[in-house]
Amino acid sequence: MSIRPVAINPDGSLEVIADEVNYTGTIPADQVVWSQNSDGSLYHNSLILSVPGMISGHPVSGGADVLNVQSMFVEKTTREGCACGNVAQNQASLAESHVRLNCNRMDGPGCWQASESSAIELFKRGATPLENAPNMFQVVYRKSDNLIVGLEPSGGVGPDNSVGVIHDLDEYEVLMATDPAYLSADGDHIIGEPPI
């Protein structure tokens, strides 16, 4: 079992339950921390929660509590920016788009629950029949080098980024398998290196 976030407070703190240690309480926002890679760098696909007597890690895709954990990632990324450095603080739509991309990469299009599923997510998980398939999907890319930092944005993406429309639906699988991924110079393909 784990420390389960059950509510996110306006200040970013979490109401949590940890059954194993009989704990119910609040974790302050500054104590919701990114996990670390073996080299000490921060890892943006995992958050660590701790309460007296217990520490628990949570994957970006949500694990056993998909909605609350994905929402926790969106809130933390909005409040502080992402540990990877590709999303600055206070950019809610970009933060959600970034977490959505990381979630889809980790567990596939069927696991996103923090907001409404996009047409490409519904299609790729088999919820949309072929005759109703979408004809495109959207990525958020950084203007300076075309690095893809988000998927299916719900609003503005900030002045340093732009939205690219991908018309080849097979490129979705390329995006999921390529990290880091870049938008090609023609604007319709996913590639593994910055375009020249």
N, C-alpha and C. Protein backbone atom coordinates (compact mmCIF):
# COMPACT_ATOMS: atom_id res chain seq x y z
N MET A 1 0.84 -1.19 0.00
CA MET A 1 0.00 0.00 0.00
C MET A 1 0.88 1.24 0.00
N SER A 2 0.23 2.39 0.01
CA SER A 2 0.98 3.63 -0.10
C SER A 2 0.27 4.76 0.62
N ILE A 3 0.92 5.90 0.62
CA ILE A 3 0.30 7.12 1.12
C ILE A 3 -0.58 7.64 0.00
N ARG A 4 -1.87 7.69 0.24
CA ARG A 4 -2.82 8.07 -0.81
C ARG A 4 -3.24 9.52 -0.67
N PRO A 5 -3.03 10.33 -1.71
CA PRO A 5 -3.58 11.69 -1.68
C PRO A 5 -5.08 11.61 -1.92
N VAL A 6 -5.85 12.25 -1.07
CA VAL A 6 -7.31 12.21 -1.23
C VAL A 6 -7.90 13.57 -1.58
N ALA A 7 -7.11 14.64 -1.39
CA ALA A 7 -7.58 15.98 -1.75
C ALA A 7 -6.37 16.89 -1.89
N ILE A 8 -6.48 17.82 -2.82
CA ILE A 8 -5.45 18.86 -3.00
C ILE A 8 -6.05 20.17 -2.51
N ASN A 9 -5.38 20.80 -1.56
CA ASN A 9 -5.85 22.06 -0.99
C ASN A 9 -5.41 23.24 -1.87
N PRO A 10 -6.09 24.38 -1.76
CA PRO A 10 -5.73 25.54 -2.58
C PRO A 10 -4.27 25.97 -2.46
N ASP A 11 -3.63 25.72 -1.31
CA ASP A 11 -2.23 26.09 -1.13
C ASP A 11 -1.26 25.03 -1.65
N GLY A 12 -1.79 23.97 -2.27
CA GLY A 12 -0.95 22.91 -2.81
C GLY A 12 -0.66 21.78 -1.85
N SER A 13 -1.04 21.95 -0.60
CA SER A 13 -0.85 20.86 0.36
C SER A 13 -1.82 19.72 0.04
N LEU A 14 -1.50 18.54 0.53
CA LEU A 14 -2.33 17.36 0.25
C LEU A 14 -2.93 16.80 1.51
N GLU A 15 -4.19 16.43 1.42
CA GLU A 15 -4.80 15.61 2.46
C GLU A 15 -4.51 14.17 2.07
N VAL A 16 -3.96 13.40 3.01
CA VAL A 16 -3.53 12.04 2.69
C VAL A 16 -4.01 11.04 3.73
N ILE A 17 -4.01 9.78 3.31
CA ILE A 17 -4.29 8.65 4.19
C ILE A 17 -3.19 7.62 3.98
N ALA A 18 -2.66 7.11 5.08
CA ALA A 18 -1.69 6.02 5.05
C ALA A 18 -2.17 4.96 6.03
N ASP A 19 -2.93 4.00 5.51
CA ASP A 19 -3.57 2.99 6.37
C ASP A 19 -2.57 2.19 7.20
N GLU A 20 -1.42 1.82 6.60
CA GLU A 20 -0.46 0.96 7.26
C GLU A 20 0.09 1.54 8.56
N VAL A 21 0.18 2.86 8.62
CA VAL A 21 0.71 3.50 9.83
C VAL A 21 -0.38 4.30 10.55
N ASN A 22 -1.65 4.03 10.18
CA ASN A 22 -2.80 4.67 10.82
C ASN A 22 -2.66 6.19 10.84
N TYR A 23 -2.37 6.76 9.66
CA TYR A 23 -2.14 8.19 9.56
C TYR A 23 -3.16 8.81 8.62
N THR A 24 -3.76 9.90 9.06
CA THR A 24 -4.58 10.77 8.23
C THR A 24 -4.15 12.19 8.54
N GLY A 25 -3.81 12.94 7.52
CA GLY A 25 -3.36 14.30 7.79
C GLY A 25 -3.01 15.06 6.54
N THR A 26 -2.23 16.11 6.71
CA THR A 26 -1.87 17.02 5.64
C THR A 26 -0.37 17.00 5.41
N ILE A 27 0.02 16.92 4.15
CA ILE A 27 1.43 17.07 3.76
C ILE A 27 1.55 18.45 3.11
N PRO A 28 2.42 19.32 3.66
CA PRO A 28 2.60 20.65 3.06
C PRO A 28 3.11 20.54 1.62
N ALA A 29 2.79 21.51 0.80
CA ALA A 29 3.17 21.49 -0.62
C ALA A 29 4.67 21.33 -0.82
N ASP A 30 5.47 21.97 0.04
CA ASP A 30 6.93 21.89 -0.14
C ASP A 30 7.51 20.53 0.26
N GLN A 31 6.68 19.66 0.81
CA GLN A 31 7.13 18.32 1.16
C GLN A 31 6.63 17.26 0.18
N VAL A 32 5.99 17.69 -0.89
CA VAL A 32 5.67 16.82 -2.02
C VAL A 32 6.85 17.00 -2.96
N VAL A 33 7.72 15.97 -3.06
CA VAL A 33 9.00 16.17 -3.74
C VAL A 33 9.17 15.22 -4.92
N TRP A 34 9.94 15.69 -5.91
CA TRP A 34 10.31 14.86 -7.05
C TRP A 34 11.25 13.77 -6.56
N SER A 35 11.15 12.59 -7.12
CA SER A 35 12.13 11.56 -6.80
C SER A 35 13.43 11.90 -7.52
N GLN A 36 14.49 11.14 -7.23
CA GLN A 36 15.79 11.42 -7.82
C GLN A 36 16.30 10.23 -8.62
N ASN A 37 17.01 10.55 -9.69
CA ASN A 37 17.72 9.53 -10.44
C ASN A 37 18.97 9.13 -9.65
N SER A 38 19.64 8.08 -10.07
CA SER A 38 20.82 7.61 -9.36
C SER A 38 21.95 8.64 -9.35
N ASP A 39 21.94 9.56 -10.32
CA ASP A 39 22.98 10.59 -10.36
C ASP A 39 22.62 11.83 -9.53
N GLY A 40 21.47 11.77 -8.85
CA GLY A 40 21.03 12.88 -8.00
C GLY A 40 20.13 13.89 -8.69
N SER A 41 20.00 13.81 -10.02
CA SER A 41 19.11 14.72 -10.73
C SER A 41 17.65 14.36 -10.42
N LEU A 42 16.79 15.34 -10.54
CA LEU A 42 15.37 15.12 -10.25
C LEU A 42 14.70 14.38 -11.40
N TYR A 43 13.73 13.55 -11.06
CA TYR A 43 13.03 12.71 -12.03
C TYR A 43 11.57 13.14 -12.10
N HIS A 44 11.13 13.65 -13.26
CA HIS A 44 9.81 14.26 -13.36
C HIS A 44 8.67 13.25 -13.52
N ASN A 45 8.95 11.98 -13.52
CA ASN A 45 7.89 10.97 -13.65
C ASN A 45 7.55 10.28 -12.34
N SER A 46 8.03 10.82 -11.22
CA SER A 46 7.74 10.21 -9.93
C SER A 46 7.78 11.27 -8.83
N LEU A 47 6.80 11.21 -7.93
CA LEU A 47 6.76 12.08 -6.76
C LEU A 47 6.82 11.23 -5.50
N ILE A 48 7.44 11.79 -4.46
CA ILE A 48 7.59 11.11 -3.18
C ILE A 48 6.75 11.84 -2.13
N LEU A 49 5.98 11.05 -1.38
CA LEU A 49 5.23 11.56 -0.23
C LEU A 49 5.75 10.85 1.01
N SER A 50 5.82 11.58 2.12
CA SER A 50 6.24 10.94 3.36
C SER A 50 5.40 11.45 4.53
N VAL A 51 5.14 10.52 5.44
CA VAL A 51 4.45 10.81 6.69
C VAL A 51 5.24 10.08 7.78
N PRO A 52 5.02 10.35 9.04
CA PRO A 52 5.76 9.65 10.08
C PRO A 52 5.65 8.12 9.91
N GLY A 53 6.78 7.48 9.75
CA GLY A 53 6.82 6.02 9.65
C GLY A 53 6.65 5.44 8.27
N MET A 54 6.54 6.30 7.22
CA MET A 54 6.29 5.75 5.89
C MET A 54 6.69 6.75 4.79
N ILE A 55 7.25 6.20 3.71
CA ILE A 55 7.56 6.96 2.51
C ILE A 55 6.94 6.22 1.34
N SER A 56 6.37 6.97 0.38
CA SER A 56 5.68 6.34 -0.74
C SER A 56 5.97 7.09 -2.02
N GLY A 57 6.30 6.34 -3.08
CA GLY A 57 6.52 6.94 -4.39
C GLY A 57 5.31 6.76 -5.28
N HIS A 58 5.07 7.73 -6.15
CA HIS A 58 3.92 7.67 -7.05
C HIS A 58 4.35 7.97 -8.48
N PRO A 59 3.98 7.11 -9.45
CA PRO A 59 4.33 7.37 -10.86
C PRO A 59 3.38 8.40 -11.47
N VAL A 60 3.86 9.10 -12.49
CA VAL A 60 3.07 10.13 -13.16
C VAL A 60 1.75 9.58 -13.71
N SER A 61 1.72 8.31 -14.08
CA SER A 61 0.50 7.73 -14.64
C SER A 61 -0.57 7.47 -13.58
N GLY A 62 -0.21 7.53 -12.31
CA GLY A 62 -1.21 7.46 -11.26
C GLY A 62 -1.16 6.24 -10.37
N GLY A 63 -0.66 5.13 -10.87
CA GLY A 63 -0.60 3.93 -10.04
C GLY A 63 -1.98 3.49 -9.60
N ALA A 64 -2.13 3.24 -8.31
CA ALA A 64 -3.38 2.70 -7.77
C ALA A 64 -4.45 3.77 -7.57
N ASP A 65 -4.10 5.04 -7.67
CA ASP A 65 -5.06 6.12 -7.48
C ASP A 65 -4.88 7.14 -8.60
N VAL A 66 -5.28 6.73 -9.80
CA VAL A 66 -4.96 7.46 -11.02
C VAL A 66 -5.39 8.92 -10.96
N LEU A 67 -6.63 9.21 -10.71
CA LEU A 67 -7.12 10.59 -10.78
C LEU A 67 -6.40 11.50 -9.78
N ASN A 68 -6.34 11.09 -8.51
CA ASN A 68 -5.72 11.95 -7.50
C ASN A 68 -4.22 12.13 -7.74
N VAL A 69 -3.53 11.08 -8.15
CA VAL A 69 -2.09 11.19 -8.36
C VAL A 69 -1.79 12.04 -9.60
N GLN A 70 -2.51 11.82 -10.70
CA GLN A 70 -2.30 12.67 -11.88
C GLN A 70 -2.59 14.13 -11.55
N SER A 71 -3.63 14.38 -10.80
CA SER A 71 -3.97 15.75 -10.40
C SER A 71 -2.87 16.34 -9.53
N MET A 72 -2.27 15.52 -8.67
CA MET A 72 -1.16 15.96 -7.82
C MET A 72 0.03 16.40 -8.69
N PHE A 73 0.34 15.64 -9.74
CA PHE A 73 1.42 16.01 -10.66
C PHE A 73 1.10 17.32 -11.38
N VAL A 74 -0.12 17.48 -11.85
CA VAL A 74 -0.50 18.71 -12.56
C VAL A 74 -0.37 19.90 -11.61
N GLU A 75 -0.85 19.75 -10.38
CA GLU A 75 -0.79 20.84 -9.41
C GLU A 75 0.65 21.20 -9.10
N LYS A 76 1.50 20.20 -8.84
CA LYS A 76 2.90 20.47 -8.51
C LYS A 76 3.62 21.13 -9.68
N THR A 77 3.39 20.63 -10.89
CA THR A 77 4.05 21.20 -12.08
C THR A 77 3.55 22.62 -12.33
N THR A 78 2.27 22.89 -12.10
CA THR A 78 1.74 24.24 -12.25
C THR A 78 2.35 25.17 -11.20
N ARG A 79 2.43 24.72 -9.98
CA ARG A 79 2.90 25.55 -8.87
C ARG A 79 4.40 25.83 -8.93
N GLU A 80 5.20 24.81 -9.28
CA GLU A 80 6.65 24.95 -9.20
C GLU A 80 7.37 24.88 -10.54
N GLY A 81 6.69 24.43 -11.58
CA GLY A 81 7.37 24.07 -12.83
C GLY A 81 7.79 22.62 -12.73
N CYS A 82 8.22 22.05 -13.84
CA CYS A 82 8.59 20.63 -13.84
C CYS A 82 10.06 20.44 -13.49
N ALA A 83 10.36 19.33 -12.86
CA ALA A 83 11.73 19.00 -12.49
C ALA A 83 12.65 18.92 -13.70
N CYS A 84 12.11 18.62 -14.87
CA CYS A 84 12.94 18.50 -16.08
C CYS A 84 13.37 19.86 -16.62
N GLY A 85 12.73 20.94 -16.14
CA GLY A 85 13.07 22.28 -16.59
C GLY A 85 12.35 22.75 -17.84
N ASN A 86 11.49 21.92 -18.40
CA ASN A 86 10.83 22.28 -19.66
C ASN A 86 9.50 23.00 -19.48
N VAL A 87 9.03 23.11 -18.25
CA VAL A 87 7.77 23.81 -17.96
C VAL A 87 8.03 24.72 -16.76
N ALA A 88 7.82 26.02 -16.95
CA ALA A 88 7.98 26.97 -15.86
C ALA A 88 6.74 26.99 -14.97
N GLN A 89 6.87 27.55 -13.81
CA GLN A 89 5.75 27.61 -12.88
C GLN A 89 4.63 28.51 -13.41
N ASN A 90 3.45 28.31 -12.88
CA ASN A 90 2.27 29.12 -13.16
C ASN A 90 1.82 29.09 -14.61
N GLN A 91 2.01 27.96 -15.29
CA GLN A 91 1.52 27.78 -16.66
C GLN A 91 0.61 26.54 -16.64
N ALA A 92 -0.62 26.71 -16.14
CA ALA A 92 -1.51 25.58 -15.87
C ALA A 92 -1.79 24.72 -17.10
N SER A 93 -2.13 25.32 -18.23
CA SER A 93 -2.45 24.53 -19.41
C SER A 93 -1.22 23.77 -19.91
N LEU A 94 -0.07 24.41 -19.91
CA LEU A 94 1.16 23.75 -20.33
C LEU A 94 1.53 22.65 -19.35
N ALA A 95 1.37 22.89 -18.05
CA ALA A 95 1.67 21.87 -17.04
C ALA A 95 0.81 20.63 -17.27
N GLU A 96 -0.48 20.82 -17.49
CA GLU A 96 -1.36 19.68 -17.73
C GLU A 96 -0.98 18.93 -19.00
N SER A 97 -0.66 19.66 -20.05
CA SER A 97 -0.26 19.06 -21.31
C SER A 97 1.04 18.25 -21.15
N HIS A 98 1.96 18.76 -20.37
CA HIS A 98 3.24 18.10 -20.11
C HIS A 98 3.03 16.80 -19.30
N VAL A 99 2.25 16.90 -18.25
CA VAL A 99 1.95 15.71 -17.43
C VAL A 99 1.19 14.69 -18.27
N ARG A 100 0.27 15.13 -19.11
CA ARG A 100 -0.47 14.23 -20.01
C ARG A 100 0.50 13.46 -20.92
N LEU A 101 1.47 14.16 -21.51
CA LEU A 101 2.46 13.51 -22.36
C LEU A 101 3.24 12.45 -21.57
N ASN A 102 3.72 12.82 -20.40
CA ASN A 102 4.50 11.88 -19.58
C ASN A 102 3.66 10.68 -19.16
N CYS A 103 2.42 10.91 -18.82
CA CYS A 103 1.50 9.84 -18.43
C CYS A 103 1.24 8.88 -19.59
N ASN A 104 0.97 9.42 -20.77
CA ASN A 104 0.74 8.59 -21.95
C ASN A 104 1.98 7.79 -22.31
N ARG A 105 3.15 8.40 -22.16
CA ARG A 105 4.38 7.67 -22.44
C ARG A 105 4.58 6.51 -21.46
N MET A 106 4.20 6.71 -20.23
CA MET A 106 4.43 5.69 -19.22
C MET A 106 3.45 4.52 -19.34
N ASP A 107 2.17 4.81 -19.45
CA ASP A 107 1.16 3.74 -19.38
C ASP A 107 0.20 3.68 -20.55
N GLY A 108 0.37 4.54 -21.55
CA GLY A 108 -0.50 4.49 -22.71
C GLY A 108 -1.69 5.42 -22.59
N PRO A 109 -2.43 5.58 -23.69
CA PRO A 109 -3.50 6.57 -23.76
C PRO A 109 -4.71 6.25 -22.89
N GLY A 110 -4.85 5.04 -22.44
CA GLY A 110 -6.03 4.68 -21.65
C GLY A 110 -5.97 5.10 -20.20
N CYS A 111 -4.83 5.59 -19.75
CA CYS A 111 -4.71 5.88 -18.32
C CYS A 111 -4.95 7.34 -17.95
N TRP A 112 -4.98 8.26 -18.91
CA TRP A 112 -5.16 9.67 -18.56
C TRP A 112 -6.56 9.91 -18.03
N GLN A 113 -6.67 10.48 -16.80
CA GLN A 113 -7.96 10.76 -16.19
C GLN A 113 -8.06 12.15 -15.56
N ALA A 114 -6.97 12.90 -15.53
CA ALA A 114 -6.99 14.18 -14.84
C ALA A 114 -7.85 15.23 -15.54
N SER A 115 -8.16 15.01 -16.79
CA SER A 115 -9.10 15.85 -17.53
C SER A 115 -9.69 14.98 -18.63
N GLU A 116 -10.56 15.56 -19.44
CA GLU A 116 -11.21 14.78 -20.49
C GLU A 116 -10.19 14.19 -21.47
N SER A 117 -10.40 12.94 -21.85
CA SER A 117 -9.52 12.30 -22.83
C SER A 117 -9.67 12.99 -24.18
N SER A 118 -8.56 13.10 -24.89
CA SER A 118 -8.58 13.71 -26.22
C SER A 118 -9.02 12.69 -27.26
N ALA A 119 -9.32 13.16 -28.46
CA ALA A 119 -9.76 12.27 -29.55
C ALA A 119 -8.70 11.22 -29.88
N ILE A 120 -7.42 11.62 -29.88
CA ILE A 120 -6.37 10.64 -30.20
C ILE A 120 -6.24 9.61 -29.10
N GLU A 121 -6.40 10.02 -27.85
CA GLU A 121 -6.32 9.07 -26.73
C GLU A 121 -7.47 8.07 -26.81
N LEU A 122 -8.66 8.56 -27.08
CA LEU A 122 -9.82 7.66 -27.21
C LEU A 122 -9.62 6.68 -28.37
N PHE A 123 -9.13 7.18 -29.49
CA PHE A 123 -8.91 6.32 -30.65
C PHE A 123 -7.83 5.28 -30.39
N LYS A 124 -6.72 5.70 -29.82
CA LYS A 124 -5.59 4.78 -29.61
C LYS A 124 -5.89 3.72 -28.55
N ARG A 125 -6.83 3.98 -27.66
CA ARG A 125 -7.17 2.93 -26.70
C ARG A 125 -8.38 2.11 -27.14
N GLY A 126 -8.87 2.35 -28.36
CA GLY A 126 -9.94 1.54 -28.93
C GLY A 126 -11.34 1.97 -28.58
N ALA A 127 -11.50 3.16 -27.99
CA ALA A 127 -12.83 3.63 -27.60
C ALA A 127 -13.57 4.33 -28.74
N THR A 128 -12.86 4.60 -29.83
CA THR A 128 -13.45 5.25 -31.00
C THR A 128 -13.29 4.31 -32.19
N PRO A 129 -14.37 4.00 -32.89
CA PRO A 129 -14.24 3.11 -34.06
C PRO A 129 -13.43 3.78 -35.18
N LEU A 130 -12.86 2.97 -36.02
CA LEU A 130 -11.99 3.44 -37.10
C LEU A 130 -12.67 4.49 -37.98
N GLU A 131 -13.96 4.29 -38.27
CA GLU A 131 -14.66 5.25 -39.14
C GLU A 131 -14.82 6.62 -38.50
N ASN A 132 -14.64 6.71 -37.17
CA ASN A 132 -14.72 7.99 -36.46
C ASN A 132 -13.35 8.46 -35.97
N ALA A 133 -12.29 7.91 -36.54
CA ALA A 133 -10.93 8.24 -36.11
C ALA A 133 -10.66 9.73 -36.30
N PRO A 134 -9.92 10.33 -35.37
CA PRO A 134 -9.54 11.73 -35.57
C PRO A 134 -8.59 11.84 -36.76
N ASN A 135 -8.47 13.03 -37.32
CA ASN A 135 -7.57 13.23 -38.45
C ASN A 135 -6.29 13.96 -38.07
N MET A 136 -6.10 14.19 -36.75
CA MET A 136 -4.89 14.87 -36.28
C MET A 136 -4.83 14.81 -34.76
N PHE A 137 -3.66 15.16 -34.22
CA PHE A 137 -3.51 15.41 -32.80
C PHE A 137 -2.53 16.57 -32.63
N GLN A 138 -2.49 17.13 -31.43
CA GLN A 138 -1.68 18.32 -31.20
C GLN A 138 -0.54 18.04 -30.22
N VAL A 139 0.59 18.65 -30.49
CA VAL A 139 1.72 18.62 -29.56
C VAL A 139 2.11 20.05 -29.23
N VAL A 140 2.72 20.22 -28.07
CA VAL A 140 3.28 21.51 -27.69
C VAL A 140 4.78 21.39 -27.86
N TYR A 141 5.38 22.33 -28.60
CA TYR A 141 6.82 22.29 -28.79
C TYR A 141 7.44 23.63 -28.44
N ARG A 142 8.68 23.56 -27.98
CA ARG A 142 9.45 24.74 -27.65
C ARG A 142 9.97 25.36 -28.94
N LYS A 143 9.72 26.63 -29.15
CA LYS A 143 10.08 27.31 -30.40
C LYS A 143 11.58 27.30 -30.68
N SER A 144 12.39 27.37 -29.66
CA SER A 144 13.83 27.52 -29.86
C SER A 144 14.48 26.29 -30.49
N ASP A 145 13.97 25.09 -30.22
CA ASP A 145 14.61 23.88 -30.75
C ASP A 145 13.63 22.79 -31.17
N ASN A 146 12.33 23.08 -31.12
CA ASN A 146 11.25 22.15 -31.49
C ASN A 146 11.10 20.96 -30.55
N LEU A 147 11.67 21.03 -29.34
CA LEU A 147 11.48 19.97 -28.35
C LEU A 147 10.00 19.87 -27.99
N ILE A 148 9.45 18.68 -28.06
CA ILE A 148 8.04 18.47 -27.71
C ILE A 148 7.94 18.35 -26.19
N VAL A 149 7.14 19.24 -25.60
CA VAL A 149 7.02 19.29 -24.14
C VAL A 149 5.61 18.97 -23.65
N GLY A 150 4.66 18.77 -24.57
CA GLY A 150 3.30 18.50 -24.14
C GLY A 150 2.46 17.87 -25.24
N LEU A 151 1.31 17.38 -24.83
CA LEU A 151 0.37 16.69 -25.72
C LEU A 151 -1.04 17.20 -25.47
N GLU A 152 -1.76 17.51 -26.54
CA GLU A 152 -3.17 17.90 -26.48
C GLU A 152 -3.45 18.99 -25.43
N PRO A 153 -2.92 20.19 -25.65
CA PRO A 153 -3.13 21.28 -24.68
C PRO A 153 -4.58 21.71 -24.62
N SER A 154 -4.96 22.23 -23.46
CA SER A 154 -6.34 22.69 -23.28
C SER A 154 -6.45 24.22 -23.27
N GLY A 155 -5.33 24.90 -23.45
CA GLY A 155 -5.34 26.36 -23.43
C GLY A 155 -4.00 26.89 -23.89
N GLY A 156 -3.66 28.08 -23.44
CA GLY A 156 -2.42 28.72 -23.84
C GLY A 156 -1.19 27.95 -23.38
N VAL A 157 -0.11 28.04 -24.16
CA VAL A 157 1.09 27.27 -23.86
C VAL A 157 2.30 28.15 -23.58
N GLY A 158 2.10 29.44 -23.41
CA GLY A 158 3.19 30.35 -23.08
C GLY A 158 3.91 30.88 -24.30
N PRO A 159 4.62 31.99 -24.14
CA PRO A 159 5.26 32.66 -25.27
C PRO A 159 6.45 31.91 -25.86
N ASP A 160 7.05 31.00 -25.13
CA ASP A 160 8.23 30.27 -25.63
C ASP A 160 7.86 29.00 -26.38
N ASN A 161 6.58 28.68 -26.41
CA ASN A 161 6.11 27.43 -27.01
C ASN A 161 5.07 27.70 -28.07
N SER A 162 4.79 26.69 -28.86
CA SER A 162 3.75 26.77 -29.88
C SER A 162 3.07 25.41 -29.97
N VAL A 163 1.94 25.36 -30.65
CA VAL A 163 1.20 24.12 -30.83
C VAL A 163 1.39 23.65 -32.26
N GLY A 164 1.78 22.39 -32.39
CA GLY A 164 1.93 21.78 -33.71
C GLY A 164 0.82 20.77 -33.94
N VAL A 165 0.29 20.74 -35.14
CA VAL A 165 -0.78 19.80 -35.49
C VAL A 165 -0.17 18.68 -36.33
N ILE A 166 -0.30 17.46 -35.83
CA ILE A 166 0.25 16.28 -36.51
C ILE A 166 -0.90 15.56 -37.21
N HIS A 167 -0.79 15.36 -38.51
CA HIS A 167 -1.86 14.74 -39.29
C HIS A 167 -1.67 13.24 -39.51
N ASP A 168 -0.49 12.74 -39.31
CA ASP A 168 -0.22 11.31 -39.46
C ASP A 168 -0.39 10.66 -38.09
N LEU A 169 -1.49 9.92 -37.89
CA LEU A 169 -1.78 9.34 -36.57
C LEU A 169 -0.75 8.31 -36.13
N ASP A 170 -0.01 7.72 -37.06
CA ASP A 170 1.05 6.79 -36.69
C ASP A 170 2.18 7.50 -35.94
N GLU A 171 2.27 8.80 -36.08
CA GLU A 171 3.29 9.56 -35.38
C GLU A 171 3.06 9.57 -33.87
N TYR A 172 1.83 9.26 -33.44
CA TYR A 172 1.54 9.17 -32.01
C TYR A 172 2.43 8.11 -31.36
N GLU A 173 2.54 6.93 -31.99
CA GLU A 173 3.38 5.87 -31.44
C GLU A 173 4.85 6.28 -31.44
N VAL A 174 5.27 7.01 -32.46
CA VAL A 174 6.65 7.51 -32.50
C VAL A 174 6.88 8.44 -31.32
N LEU A 175 5.92 9.33 -31.05
CA LEU A 175 6.03 10.25 -29.92
C LEU A 175 6.13 9.50 -28.60
N MET A 176 5.33 8.46 -28.44
CA MET A 176 5.34 7.71 -27.19
C MET A 176 6.68 6.98 -26.98
N ALA A 177 7.32 6.57 -28.06
CA ALA A 177 8.55 5.79 -27.97
C ALA A 177 9.82 6.65 -28.03
N THR A 178 9.68 7.95 -28.25
CA THR A 178 10.85 8.82 -28.45
C THR A 178 10.88 9.87 -27.35
N ASP A 179 11.92 9.82 -26.53
CA ASP A 179 12.05 10.77 -25.43
C ASP A 179 13.54 11.06 -25.21
N PRO A 180 14.00 12.26 -25.53
CA PRO A 180 13.23 13.41 -25.97
C PRO A 180 12.77 13.29 -27.43
N ALA A 181 11.71 13.98 -27.73
CA ALA A 181 11.16 14.00 -29.08
C ALA A 181 11.09 15.44 -29.57
N TYR A 182 11.26 15.60 -30.87
CA TYR A 182 11.25 16.92 -31.49
C TYR A 182 10.27 16.93 -32.66
N LEU A 183 9.71 18.10 -32.93
CA LEU A 183 8.87 18.28 -34.11
C LEU A 183 9.79 18.55 -35.30
N SER A 184 9.57 17.83 -36.38
CA SER A 184 10.41 17.99 -37.58
C SER A 184 10.23 19.38 -38.18
N ALA A 185 11.15 19.74 -39.07
CA ALA A 185 11.08 21.04 -39.73
C ALA A 185 9.80 21.19 -40.56
N ASP A 186 9.28 20.08 -41.10
CA ASP A 186 8.04 20.16 -41.89
C ASP A 186 6.80 20.25 -40.99
N GLY A 187 7.00 20.10 -39.67
CA GLY A 187 5.91 20.26 -38.72
C GLY A 187 4.92 19.13 -38.66
N ASP A 188 5.21 17.98 -39.28
CA ASP A 188 4.24 16.88 -39.28
C ASP A 188 4.84 15.54 -38.89
N HIS A 189 6.07 15.55 -38.37
CA HIS A 189 6.68 14.29 -37.97
C HIS A 189 7.41 14.45 -36.63
N ILE A 190 7.54 13.35 -35.93
CA ILE A 190 8.25 13.30 -34.66
C ILE A 190 9.63 12.71 -34.94
N ILE A 191 10.67 13.37 -34.46
CA ILE A 191 12.02 12.89 -34.67
C ILE A 191 12.79 12.87 -33.34
N GLY A 192 13.92 12.19 -33.32
CA GLY A 192 14.68 12.02 -32.09
C GLY A 192 15.77 13.05 -31.84
N GLU A 193 15.99 13.95 -32.78
CA GLU A 193 17.01 15.00 -32.62
C GLU A 193 16.45 16.32 -33.11
N PRO A 194 16.98 17.42 -32.61
CA PRO A 194 16.47 18.72 -33.08
C PRO A 194 16.66 18.85 -34.60
N PRO A 195 15.68 19.43 -35.29
CA PRO A 195 15.84 19.64 -36.73
C PRO A 195 16.92 20.69 -36.98
N ILE A 196 17.61 20.55 -38.07
CA ILE A 196 18.69 21.51 -38.38
C ILE A 196 18.16 22.66 -39.19
